[in-house]
């Protein structure tokens, strides 16, 4: 799907460490790693950050939820919005999560839509279309 998608790999984190407000250029795969709780309490800040991430217009995005400790339906809706915007912009999208998050996605009704990966190589395969 995307040639040489793994070079370079840009990595961004939520919440951003320190006062770093500038996101790296994304001319390859962008790994967005989320930490902590993703819920109603940080919706406004996270939505603004995700808008900045999608504005980078990377050819492929992997959102890593493995470090996340809690996600509520508000957080999942933000991820659905991000996925929709990435795909509408012509990018590829993959979600990377732990087994417990798979159960949450199933209960939310978005498991099949996200088709999440549980390992980084699986997620890369999803955005590159390779096996």
Protein backbone atom coordinates (compact mmCIF):
# COMPACT_ATOMS: atom_id res chain seq x y z
CA UNK A 1 0.00 0.00 0.00
CA UNK A 2 2.69 2.50 1.04
CA UNK A 3 6.23 2.04 -0.15
CA UNK A 4 8.89 2.10 2.57
CA UNK A 5 6.27 2.83 5.18
CA UNK A 6 8.56 2.01 8.08
CA UNK A 7 11.13 4.67 7.26
CA UNK A 8 11.04 6.97 9.07
CA UNK A 9 8.82 6.11 12.00
CA UNK A 10 7.67 9.14 13.96
CA UNK A 11 6.42 8.66 17.51
CA UNK A 12 4.16 10.94 19.49
CA UNK A 13 2.79 10.43 23.01
CA UNK A 14 -0.29 11.49 24.94
CA UNK A 15 -0.05 13.11 27.32
CA UNK A 16 2.95 14.88 25.81
CA UNK A 17 6.06 14.79 28.03
CA UNK A 18 6.87 18.22 29.47
CA UNK A 19 5.81 21.27 27.51
CA UNK A 20 6.58 19.86 24.08
CA UNK A 21 3.85 21.25 21.85
CA UNK A 22 5.51 20.64 18.50
CA UNK A 23 4.80 17.35 16.79
CA UNK A 24 7.42 15.81 14.50
CA UNK A 25 7.02 15.80 10.73
CA UNK A 26 5.29 12.63 9.62
CA UNK A 27 6.46 11.47 6.22
CA UNK A 28 6.16 7.81 7.13
CA UNK A 29 4.40 5.67 9.67
CA UNK A 30 3.20 7.66 12.68
CA UNK A 31 2.95 5.80 15.98
CA UNK A 32 0.66 7.61 18.42
CA UNK A 33 1.10 6.13 21.88
CA UNK A 34 -1.57 6.96 24.45
CA UNK A 35 -1.00 6.66 28.22
CA UNK A 36 -3.11 6.78 31.35
CA UNK A 37 -6.87 7.28 31.32
CA UNK A 38 -8.71 8.18 28.14
CA UNK A 39 -12.05 9.45 29.38
CA UNK A 40 -14.45 12.36 29.74
CA UNK A 41 -12.05 14.20 32.05
CA UNK A 42 -9.45 14.76 29.31
CA UNK A 43 -11.67 14.77 26.20
CA UNK A 44 -11.09 18.40 25.23
CA UNK A 45 -7.30 18.23 25.54
CA UNK A 46 -7.05 14.83 23.86
CA UNK A 47 -9.30 15.85 20.98
CA UNK A 48 -7.12 18.90 20.32
CA UNK A 49 -4.01 16.73 20.41
CA UNK A 50 -5.54 14.12 18.08
CA UNK A 51 -6.55 16.92 15.69
CA UNK A 52 -2.89 18.01 15.65
CA UNK A 53 -1.79 14.44 14.99
CA UNK A 54 -4.17 13.95 12.06
CA UNK A 55 -3.14 17.35 10.65
CA UNK A 56 0.35 15.90 10.11
CA UNK A 57 -1.18 13.94 7.21
CA UNK A 58 1.02 10.89 7.65
CA UNK A 59 0.42 8.09 5.14
CA UNK A 60 -0.18 5.62 7.97
CA UNK A 61 -1.14 5.84 11.65
CA UNK A 62 -0.88 3.25 14.39
CA UNK A 63 -2.55 4.18 17.67
CA UNK A 64 -1.03 2.23 20.55
CA UNK A 65 -3.43 1.79 23.46
CA UNK A 66 -1.30 -0.78 25.30
CA UNK A 67 -0.08 1.75 27.94
CA UNK A 68 -3.64 3.00 28.55
CA UNK A 69 -5.07 2.10 31.96
CA UNK A 70 -8.71 3.03 31.30
CA UNK A 71 -10.87 3.95 28.31
CA UNK A 72 -14.50 5.00 28.46
CA UNK A 73 -17.01 5.42 25.63
CA UNK A 74 -15.99 9.07 25.21
CA UNK A 75 -12.40 7.99 24.59
CA UNK A 76 -13.48 5.30 22.14
CA UNK A 77 -15.58 7.85 20.26
CA UNK A 78 -12.51 10.09 19.95
CA UNK A 79 -10.59 7.15 18.48
CA UNK A 80 -13.43 6.44 16.04
CA UNK A 81 -13.35 10.10 14.99
CA UNK A 82 -9.58 9.93 14.49
CA UNK A 83 -9.90 6.74 12.42
CA UNK A 84 -12.60 8.29 10.23
CA UNK A 85 -10.51 11.44 9.62
CA UNK A 86 -7.35 9.46 8.80
CA UNK A 87 -9.19 7.22 6.32
CA UNK A 88 -11.03 10.19 4.76
CA UNK A 89 -7.65 11.84 4.19
CA UNK A 90 -6.36 8.78 2.34
CA UNK A 91 -4.23 7.43 5.19
CA UNK A 92 -4.10 3.95 6.67
CA UNK A 93 -5.08 3.31 10.28
CA UNK A 94 -4.45 0.53 12.79
CA UNK A 95 -5.22 0.20 16.46
CA UNK A 96 -2.83 -1.66 18.75
CA UNK A 97 -4.13 -2.85 22.11
CA UNK A 98 -4.05 -5.46 24.84
CA UNK A 99 -6.43 -8.39 25.19
CA UNK A 100 -8.52 -6.62 27.84
CA UNK A 101 -9.17 -3.72 25.47
CA UNK A 102 -10.44 -6.19 22.86
CA UNK A 103 -13.24 -7.11 25.28
CA UNK A 104 -14.08 -3.43 25.74
CA UNK A 105 -14.19 -2.85 21.98
CA UNK A 106 -16.47 -5.87 21.61
CA UNK A 107 -18.83 -4.52 24.29
CA UNK A 108 -18.76 -1.07 22.66
CA UNK A 109 -19.63 -2.59 19.28
CA UNK A 110 -16.51 -1.30 17.55
CA UNK A 111 -14.30 -4.41 17.57
CA UNK A 112 -14.93 -5.32 13.93
CA UNK A 113 -14.63 -1.70 12.79
CA UNK A 114 -11.25 -1.19 14.45
CA UNK A 115 -9.97 -4.72 13.71
CA UNK A 116 -7.27 -4.15 16.34
CA UNK A 117 -3.86 -5.76 16.46
CA UNK A 118 -2.23 -7.08 19.63
CA UNK A 119 1.39 -6.83 18.43
CA UNK A 120 3.31 -4.08 16.66
CA UNK A 121 4.14 -6.30 13.63
CA UNK A 122 0.42 -7.10 13.23
CA UNK A 123 -0.41 -3.39 13.32
CA UNK A 124 2.26 -2.63 10.71
CA UNK A 125 0.83 -5.39 8.56
CA UNK A 126 -2.63 -3.79 8.80
CA UNK A 127 -1.40 -0.39 7.56
CA UNK A 128 0.89 -1.78 4.86
CA UNK A 129 -1.47 -4.47 3.60
CA UNK A 130 1.24 -7.12 3.97
CA UNK A 131 1.22 -10.35 5.94
